[in-house]
Amino acid sequence: MSTDDSHHRHHAETLRAAMAGETGITEAALRTAAAARAAGGPPIAEPYDELARQIGAASYRVTDAEVDAVRQATGSDKAAFEIVMSASIGAGLARWDAAARVIAEATDAPA
């Protein structure tokens, strides 16, 4: 069984770098904090904290009110979208990282 995931790791790191880059509408530090919070990291300022935490825990439970609060705080739909996407990327990559660790630690059973 091949466990060479360097191609996938490269894509994950590219995604992380793009999310945290300086080209967004919102501050890179806020996007990075939202990603970390969704991955189980430390709390961040409201209204971002609850939205990012909820995206990480159970995204299907995100409410219109949570998104509206972030939209009002950021001042635009595009900026709010960046926060939602950053949290989604953080949650997804945290799960991917966990799976990659398990795969790396696994060994094939003896024949």
C-alpha atoms as a PDB file:
ATOM      1  CA  MET A   1       0.000   0.000   0.000  1.00  0.00           C
ATOM      2  CA  SER A   2       1.463   3.338  -1.033  1.00  0.00           C
ATOM      3  CA  THR A   3       1.343   6.081   1.564  1.00  0.00           C
ATOM      4  CA  ASP A   4       3.129   8.746  -0.478  1.00  0.00           C
ATOM      5  CA  ASP A   5       0.791  11.661  -0.044  1.00  0.00           C
ATOM      6  CA  SER A   6       3.245  14.410  -0.997  1.00  0.00           C
ATOM      7  CA  HIS A   7       1.006  15.494  -3.869  1.00  0.00           C
ATOM      8  CA  HIS A   8      -1.952  15.872  -1.495  1.00  0.00           C
ATOM      9  CA  ARG A   9       0.174  17.610   1.130  1.00  0.00           C
ATOM     10  CA  HIS A  10       1.320  20.093  -1.482  1.00  0.00           C
ATOM     11  CA  HIS A  11      -2.289  20.920  -2.352  1.00  0.00           C
ATOM     12  CA  ALA A  12      -3.230  21.251   1.323  1.00  0.00           C
ATOM     13  CA  GLU A  13      -0.350  23.639   1.966  1.00  0.00           C
ATOM     14  CA  THR A  14      -1.229  25.642  -1.149  1.00  0.00           C
ATOM     15  CA  LEU A  15      -4.802  25.955   0.108  1.00  0.00           C
ATOM     16  CA  ARG A  16      -3.623  27.028   3.579  1.00  0.00           C
ATOM     17  CA  ALA A  17      -1.316  29.651   2.081  1.00  0.00           C
ATOM     18  CA  ALA A  18      -4.017  31.020  -0.219  1.00  0.00           C
ATOM     19  CA  MET A  19      -6.502  31.302   2.646  1.00  0.00           C
ATOM     20  CA  ALA A  20      -3.977  33.152   4.810  1.00  0.00           C
ATOM     21  CA  GLY A  21      -2.639  35.335   1.998  1.00  0.00           C
ATOM     22  CA  GLU A  22      -2.741  39.100   1.869  1.00  0.00           C
ATOM     23  CA  THR A  23      -5.074  39.410  -1.134  1.00  0.00           C
ATOM     24  CA  GLY A  24      -8.394  39.114   0.692  1.00  0.00           C
ATOM     25  CA  ILE A  25     -10.889  41.756   1.704  1.00  0.00           C
ATOM     26  CA  THR A  26     -10.613  40.799   5.373  1.00  0.00           C
ATOM     27  CA  GLU A  27      -7.417  40.815   7.406  1.00  0.00           C
ATOM     28  CA  ALA A  28      -5.293  37.704   6.964  1.00  0.00           C
ATOM     29  CA  ALA A  29      -5.050  37.387  10.754  1.00  0.00           C
ATOM     30  CA  LEU A  30      -8.847  37.190  11.045  1.00  0.00           C
ATOM     31  CA  ARG A  31      -9.121  34.563   8.309  1.00  0.00           C
ATOM     32  CA  THR A  32      -6.344  32.535   9.921  1.00  0.00           C
ATOM     33  CA  ALA A  33      -7.976  32.835  13.351  1.00  0.00           C
ATOM     34  CA  ALA A  34     -11.348  31.719  11.948  1.00  0.00           C
ATOM     35  CA  ALA A  35      -9.682  28.714  10.317  1.00  0.00           C
ATOM     36  CA  ALA A  36      -7.933  27.810  13.562  1.00  0.00           C
ATOM     37  CA  ARG A  37     -11.131  28.222  15.594  1.00  0.00           C
ATOM     38  CA  ALA A  38     -13.058  25.942  13.244  1.00  0.00           C
ATOM     39  CA  ALA A  39     -10.288  23.382  13.700  1.00  0.00           C
ATOM     40  CA  GLY A  40     -10.784  23.441  17.469  1.00  0.00           C
ATOM     41  CA  GLY A  41      -8.444  26.322  18.211  1.00  0.00           C
ATOM     42  CA  PRO A  42      -8.803  29.114  20.734  1.00  0.00           C
ATOM     43  CA  PRO A  43     -11.813  31.437  20.824  1.00  0.00           C
ATOM     44  CA  ILE A  44     -11.748  34.572  18.701  1.00  0.00           C
ATOM     45  CA  ALA A  45     -13.726  37.809  18.826  1.00  0.00           C
ATOM     46  CA  GLU A  46     -17.469  37.726  18.351  1.00  0.00           C
ATOM     47  CA  PRO A  47     -19.352  37.478  16.077  1.00  0.00           C
ATOM     48  CA  TYR A  48     -16.682  35.422  14.306  1.00  0.00           C
ATOM     49  CA  ASP A  49     -16.157  32.956  17.134  1.00  0.00           C
ATOM     50  CA  GLU A  50     -19.585  31.351  17.178  1.00  0.00           C
ATOM     51  CA  LEU A  51     -19.767  31.063  13.395  1.00  0.00           C
ATOM     52  CA  ALA A  52     -16.288  29.552  13.057  1.00  0.00           C
ATOM     53  CA  ARG A  53     -16.842  27.185  15.988  1.00  0.00           C
ATOM     54  CA  GLN A  54     -20.166  26.048  14.555  1.00  0.00           C
ATOM     55  CA  ILE A  55     -18.681  25.481  11.104  1.00  0.00           C
ATOM     56  CA  GLY A  56     -16.028  23.282  12.682  1.00  0.00           C
ATOM     57  CA  ALA A  57     -18.406  21.352  14.909  1.00  0.00           C
ATOM     58  CA  ALA A  58     -21.516  20.956  12.764  1.00  0.00           C
ATOM     59  CA  SER A  59     -21.733  23.246   9.760  1.00  0.00           C
ATOM     60  CA  TYR A  60     -25.297  22.210   8.992  1.00  0.00           C
ATOM     61  CA  ARG A  61     -26.330  23.999  12.190  1.00  0.00           C
ATOM     62  CA  VAL A  62     -25.020  27.415  11.141  1.00  0.00           C
ATOM     63  CA  THR A  63     -27.864  29.910  11.367  1.00  0.00           C
ATOM     64  CA  ASP A  64     -28.788  32.877   9.224  1.00  0.00           C
ATOM     65  CA  ALA A  65     -28.356  35.039  12.331  1.00  0.00           C
ATOM     66  CA  GLU A  66     -24.725  33.915  12.743  1.00  0.00           C
ATOM     67  CA  VAL A  67     -23.956  34.692   9.112  1.00  0.00           C
ATOM     68  CA  ASP A  68     -25.829  38.010   9.285  1.00  0.00           C
ATOM     69  CA  ALA A  69     -23.834  39.045  12.357  1.00  0.00           C
ATOM     70  CA  VAL A  70     -20.579  38.385  10.507  1.00  0.00           C
ATOM     71  CA  ARG A  71     -21.905  40.173   7.425  1.00  0.00           C
ATOM     72  CA  GLN A  72     -22.705  43.234   9.538  1.00  0.00           C
ATOM     73  CA  ALA A  73     -19.319  43.124  11.285  1.00  0.00           C
ATOM     74  CA  THR A  74     -17.366  42.831   8.041  1.00  0.00           C
ATOM     75  CA  GLY A  75     -19.528  45.238   6.071  1.00  0.00           C
ATOM     76  CA  SER A  76     -20.031  43.121   2.972  1.00  0.00           C
ATOM     77  CA  ASP A  77     -21.184  39.785   1.654  1.00  0.00           C
ATOM     78  CA  LYS A  78     -17.772  39.144   0.089  1.00  0.00           C
ATOM     79  CA  ALA A  79     -15.938  39.723   3.358  1.00  0.00           C
ATOM     80  CA  ALA A  80     -18.380  37.497   5.248  1.00  0.00           C
ATOM     81  CA  PHE A  81     -17.888  34.832   2.582  1.00  0.00           C
ATOM     82  CA  GLU A  82     -14.130  34.969   3.196  1.00  0.00           C
ATOM     83  CA  ILE A  83     -14.689  34.267   6.882  1.00  0.00           C
ATOM     84  CA  VAL A  84     -17.073  31.391   6.145  1.00  0.00           C
ATOM     85  CA  MET A  85     -14.659  29.900   3.605  1.00  0.00           C
ATOM     86  CA  SER A  86     -11.673  30.317   5.923  1.00  0.00           C
ATOM     87  CA  ALA A  87     -13.492  28.504   8.710  1.00  0.00           C
ATOM     88  CA  SER A  88     -14.558  25.790   6.261  1.00  0.00           C
ATOM     89  CA  ILE A  89     -10.995  25.378   5.029  1.00  0.00           C
ATOM     90  CA  GLY A  90      -9.726  25.201   8.608  1.00  0.00           C
ATOM     91  CA  ALA A  91     -12.278  22.551   9.563  1.00  0.00           C
ATOM     92  CA  GLY A  92     -11.667  20.506   6.436  1.00  0.00           C
ATOM     93  CA  LEU A  93      -7.900  20.613   6.664  1.00  0.00           C
ATOM     94  CA  ALA A  94      -8.002  19.679  10.353  1.00  0.00           C
ATOM     95  CA  ARG A  95      -9.919  16.550   9.408  1.00  0.00           C
ATOM     96  CA  TRP A  96      -7.550  15.868   6.524  1.00  0.00           C
ATOM     97  CA  ASP A  97      -4.518  16.302   8.804  1.00  0.00           C
ATOM     98  CA  ALA A  98      -6.008  13.863  11.322  1.00  0.00           C
ATOM     99  CA  ALA A  99      -6.685  11.293   8.609  1.00  0.00           C
ATOM    100  CA  ALA A 100      -3.191  11.722   7.161  1.00  0.00           C
ATOM    101  CA  ARG A 101      -1.669  11.108  10.609  1.00  0.00           C
ATOM    102  CA  VAL A 102      -3.666   7.906  11.035  1.00  0.00           C
ATOM    103  CA  ILE A 103      -2.674   6.681   7.587  1.00  0.00           C
ATOM    104  CA  ALA A 104       0.984   7.503   8.233  1.00  0.00           C
ATOM    105  CA  GLU A 105       0.907   5.566  11.502  1.00  0.00           C
ATOM    106  CA  ALA A 106      -0.893   2.564  10.043  1.00  0.00           C
ATOM    107  CA  THR A 107       0.987  -0.480   8.891  1.00  0.00           C
ATOM    108  CA  ASP A 108      -0.180  -3.307   6.700  1.00  0.00           C
ATOM    109  CA  ALA A 109      -1.048  -6.488   8.536  1.00  0.00           C
ATOM    110  CA  PRO A 110       1.472  -9.280   8.047  1.00  0.00           C
ATOM    111  CA  ALA A 111       0.548 -11.695   5.289  1.00  0.00           C
END
